[in-house]
């Protein structure tokens, strides 16, 4: 294994600004996305305690006030979802002090943290979502990935910063997630069925979620499938996109599409063992779509933005892969894995613009490298996806 190196994270400025404005900053995100590394890099003089360590938890539970006396502010508390009671004690300390930047917290289970924060730290805490490494961050670190390498390797820091083999990293990632998080988030009696379910979900990436079909294939009920998807969302394994409608109520009731936060995990779950196998896989288009959607999600999160992404499909069969909404302006985005572009790749963009007069900046993101503007459509390489939200991306 290579010597570990630190890869600069685009979200760093946002985290530092948040720490100057709030007593507490909570860095959320999936396991192994680099939360601890980021916190300790940005705040090297802070104390540190991992609440995932059973001895640390035991010390806190036995004598909370004594524990906090031994870990005074400023301090980093890691994986705080394991000890939600800690937040109540921190509330009293920050209220008495009135200082900003006292505590940096991290956590990998969204729902539990949100509930605890809402109860104890409302108004005192800034929440930041850190996702795995983006292609933009890798490029700035001198790591250039081909289309197929990006889909196979994904963005786990342990792969790019520590040199771990992706064929080992992702099975370990899944095993750790199931053993540490799934058992706690929900009473999953059938872990074998859950693992089958997550593999079937990977085979449906970028597609509408068919709860009945998944339930039938796994051998559980449709409500169980809904619950399991919620579990995956709560721990940042997957996310869903809802259809774009001007009627906001319809966005909530129409069927969403499913995507994985980590594209490398999709490849692993599909049994892909090399970049060459990605290229030959029948789902290469879906995997590439997942890559681009997750890259755009990362770009927005890294700027402290709430994702505003949807997909479009109308009754006549017209589809657009992504709609990025800014105010009342929809920005249509088509995603194609082809490595050469042609007018056929962006025909749906032009149809959508004709249908929706308010649409702006139609963009094609494809698997090649050349960029430009054709017939009013901006053409971007997949490696430049972050440009869609105004980020500066270097060529590498």
Foldseek 3Di string as FASTA:
>chain_A
DDDFDDQDFLLLVVQVVQQQVFAEEEEEEFPQQCLVVSVCVSCVPAAEDECVPPVLVVVCVVPVVVSCVVRFWQHEYEACLSPLVNLQVVLVVCVVVVGGNGYYYYHQFAPSVVVSCVVRPVPRYHYAYRFFDFLQRCVVVVHDDALLRCLQQWGRSCCVRVVDALLPVLVVSVVCCCVPQVVVVDPDPCSVLLLVLVLVLLVQALHFDDLCVSCVVSVHHSVVSVVSVVSCVRRQQKDWAFADDPPVVNSVVDTTGMAGLTSNNSCVSPVNDDSVVLVVDPCVFSSQLNSLVNNQVNLQSSVVHDFQWHWYADPVGQTFSIWGDDPNETETEHEEADADDDPVRCPSVVVVCVVDVRYDAHEYEYNHCDWDADPRYTYHYSSCSSCVVPDDGDDD
